[in-house]
Amino acid sequence: MNFSEQIIKNSIKKQPIGETDSFTWFICDIGIVAVFKNKNNNISEQKSCLEALSIALDLSKEEKGSYMIDGKKVFLFYS
C-alpha cells in the first residue's frame, strides 16, 4: 500500500462530509475522497463530479485518481 492509499484509508474512518446517490464523501490531507456505496464500480469520474455538485463541491478542475481500498473503489480528487 502506498502513502496516498494509507492517507485515504485513514480518512474514510472519519465522519463523512456528505453523501450522494452513489458515493460517500470524505476530506483527507491530500484532497477529497469519493467512496462507492455499492459494488457497481462502473460509474464514471464525470458522474462523480456531477453528484459532488449536489453537496456543493465543484471538482471539475481537480486532478483525479482511482484506487481499490478494502475492496471498495475510491476516487481521489486533488489539486
C-alpha atoms as a PDB file:
ATOM      1  CA  MET A   1       0.000   0.000   0.000  1.00  0.00           C
ATOM      2  CA  ASN A   2       1.462   3.362  -0.974  1.00  0.00           C
ATOM      3  CA  PHE A   3       1.410   6.576   1.058  1.00  0.00           C
ATOM      4  CA  SER A   4      -1.662   8.017  -0.727  1.00  0.00           C
ATOM      5  CA  GLU A   5      -3.642   4.844  -0.129  1.00  0.00           C
ATOM      6  CA  GLN A   6      -2.786   4.911   3.579  1.00  0.00           C
ATOM      7  CA  ILE A   7      -3.944   8.540   3.877  1.00  0.00           C
ATOM      8  CA  ILE A   8      -7.200   7.684   2.091  1.00  0.00           C
ATOM      9  CA  LYS A   9      -7.749   4.607   4.259  1.00  0.00           C
ATOM     10  CA  ASN A  10      -7.335   6.677   7.416  1.00  0.00           C
ATOM     11  CA  SER A  11      -9.683   9.416   6.178  1.00  0.00           C
ATOM     12  CA  ILE A  12     -12.583   7.074   5.375  1.00  0.00           C
ATOM     13  CA  LYS A  13     -12.675   6.008   9.014  1.00  0.00           C
ATOM     14  CA  LYS A  14     -13.716   9.550   9.955  1.00  0.00           C
ATOM     15  CA  GLN A  15     -17.021  11.407   9.659  1.00  0.00           C
ATOM     16  CA  PRO A  16     -18.080  11.913   6.007  1.00  0.00           C
ATOM     17  CA  ILE A  17     -18.729  15.419   4.678  1.00  0.00           C
ATOM     18  CA  GLY A  18     -21.720  14.258   2.674  1.00  0.00           C
ATOM     19  CA  GLU A  19     -23.483  11.523   0.755  1.00  0.00           C
ATOM     20  CA  THR A  20     -24.907  11.361  -2.745  1.00  0.00           C
ATOM     21  CA  ASP A  21     -26.724   8.608  -4.626  1.00  0.00           C
ATOM     22  CA  SER A  22     -23.569   6.661  -5.447  1.00  0.00           C
ATOM     23  CA  PHE A  23     -20.869   7.951  -3.088  1.00  0.00           C
ATOM     24  CA  THR A  24     -19.919   8.781   0.458  1.00  0.00           C
ATOM     25  CA  TRP A  25     -17.587  11.808   0.534  1.00  0.00           C
ATOM     26  CA  PHE A  26     -14.644  12.463   2.853  1.00  0.00           C
ATOM     27  CA  ILE A  27     -11.917  15.063   3.295  1.00  0.00           C
ATOM     28  CA  CYS A  28      -8.350  13.830   3.559  1.00  0.00           C
ATOM     29  CA  ASP A  29      -4.960  15.514   3.850  1.00  0.00           C
ATOM     30  CA  ILE A  30      -4.409  15.364   0.086  1.00  0.00           C
ATOM     31  CA  GLY A  31      -7.885  16.103  -1.275  1.00  0.00           C
ATOM     32  CA  ILE A  32     -11.492  14.930  -1.439  1.00  0.00           C
ATOM     33  CA  VAL A  33     -12.341  11.228  -1.486  1.00  0.00           C
ATOM     34  CA  ALA A  34     -15.460   9.668  -3.034  1.00  0.00           C
ATOM     35  CA  VAL A  35     -16.130   6.091  -1.903  1.00  0.00           C
ATOM     36  CA  PHE A  36     -18.571   3.988  -3.927  1.00  0.00           C
ATOM     37  CA  LYS A  37     -21.549   2.932  -1.825  1.00  0.00           C
ATOM     38  CA  ASN A  38     -22.193  -0.319  -3.688  1.00  0.00           C
ATOM     39  CA  LYS A  39     -20.442  -2.939  -5.758  1.00  0.00           C
ATOM     40  CA  ASN A  40     -21.242  -1.147  -9.049  1.00  0.00           C
ATOM     41  CA  ASN A  41     -17.788   0.200  -9.852  1.00  0.00           C
ATOM     42  CA  ASN A  42     -18.722   1.227 -13.398  1.00  0.00           C
ATOM     43  CA  ILE A  43     -19.725   4.803 -12.604  1.00  0.00           C
ATOM     44  CA  SER A  44     -17.565   7.352 -14.398  1.00  0.00           C
ATOM     45  CA  GLU A  45     -15.499  10.100 -12.851  1.00  0.00           C
ATOM     46  CA  GLN A  46     -17.744  12.552 -14.705  1.00  0.00           C
ATOM     47  CA  LYS A  47     -20.802  11.190 -12.842  1.00  0.00           C
ATOM     48  CA  SER A  48     -18.951  11.613  -9.545  1.00  0.00           C
ATOM     49  CA  CYS A  49     -18.271  15.268 -10.407  1.00  0.00           C
ATOM     50  CA  LEU A  50     -21.971  15.802 -11.150  1.00  0.00           C
ATOM     51  CA  GLU A  51     -23.003  14.184  -7.875  1.00  0.00           C
ATOM     52  CA  ALA A  52     -20.432  16.292  -5.999  1.00  0.00           C
ATOM     53  CA  LEU A  53     -22.252  19.420  -7.127  1.00  0.00           C
ATOM     54  CA  SER A  54     -25.299  18.309  -5.124  1.00  0.00           C
ATOM     55  CA  ILE A  55     -23.245  18.672  -1.924  1.00  0.00           C
ATOM     56  CA  ALA A  56     -21.647  21.958  -3.029  1.00  0.00           C
ATOM     57  CA  LEU A  57     -18.338  20.539  -4.259  1.00  0.00           C
ATOM     58  CA  ASP A  58     -17.065  21.688  -7.656  1.00  0.00           C
ATOM     59  CA  LEU A  59     -14.427  19.115  -8.554  1.00  0.00           C
ATOM     60  CA  SER A  60     -14.449  19.662 -12.303  1.00  0.00           C
ATOM     61  CA  LYS A  61     -10.951  21.182 -12.432  1.00  0.00           C
ATOM     62  CA  GLU A  62      -9.290  18.845  -9.945  1.00  0.00           C
ATOM     63  CA  GLU A  63      -6.869  16.074 -10.815  1.00  0.00           C
ATOM     64  CA  LYS A  64      -8.357  12.615 -10.331  1.00  0.00           C
ATOM     65  CA  GLY A  65      -7.081   9.225  -9.322  1.00  0.00           C
ATOM     66  CA  SER A  66      -8.791   5.961  -8.528  1.00  0.00           C
ATOM     67  CA  TYR A  67      -7.904   3.248  -6.044  1.00  0.00           C
ATOM     68  CA  MET A  68      -9.237  -0.029  -4.709  1.00  0.00           C
ATOM     69  CA  ILE A  69      -9.104   0.120  -0.920  1.00  0.00           C
ATOM     70  CA  ASP A  70     -10.534  -2.622   1.272  1.00  0.00           C
ATOM     71  CA  GLY A  71     -12.462  -3.953  -1.726  1.00  0.00           C
ATOM     72  CA  LYS A  72     -14.118  -0.597  -2.478  1.00  0.00           C
ATOM     73  CA  LYS A  73     -13.497   1.641  -5.468  1.00  0.00           C
ATOM     74  CA  VAL A  74     -12.437   5.131  -4.445  1.00  0.00           C
ATOM     75  CA  PHE A  75     -11.912   8.332  -6.419  1.00  0.00           C
ATOM     76  CA  LEU A  76      -9.413  10.876  -5.106  1.00  0.00           C
ATOM     77  CA  PHE A  77      -9.746  14.498  -6.257  1.00  0.00           C
ATOM     78  CA  TYR A  78      -6.737  16.755  -5.631  1.00  0.00           C
ATOM     79  CA  SER A  79      -5.020  19.901  -6.870  1.00  0.00           C
END
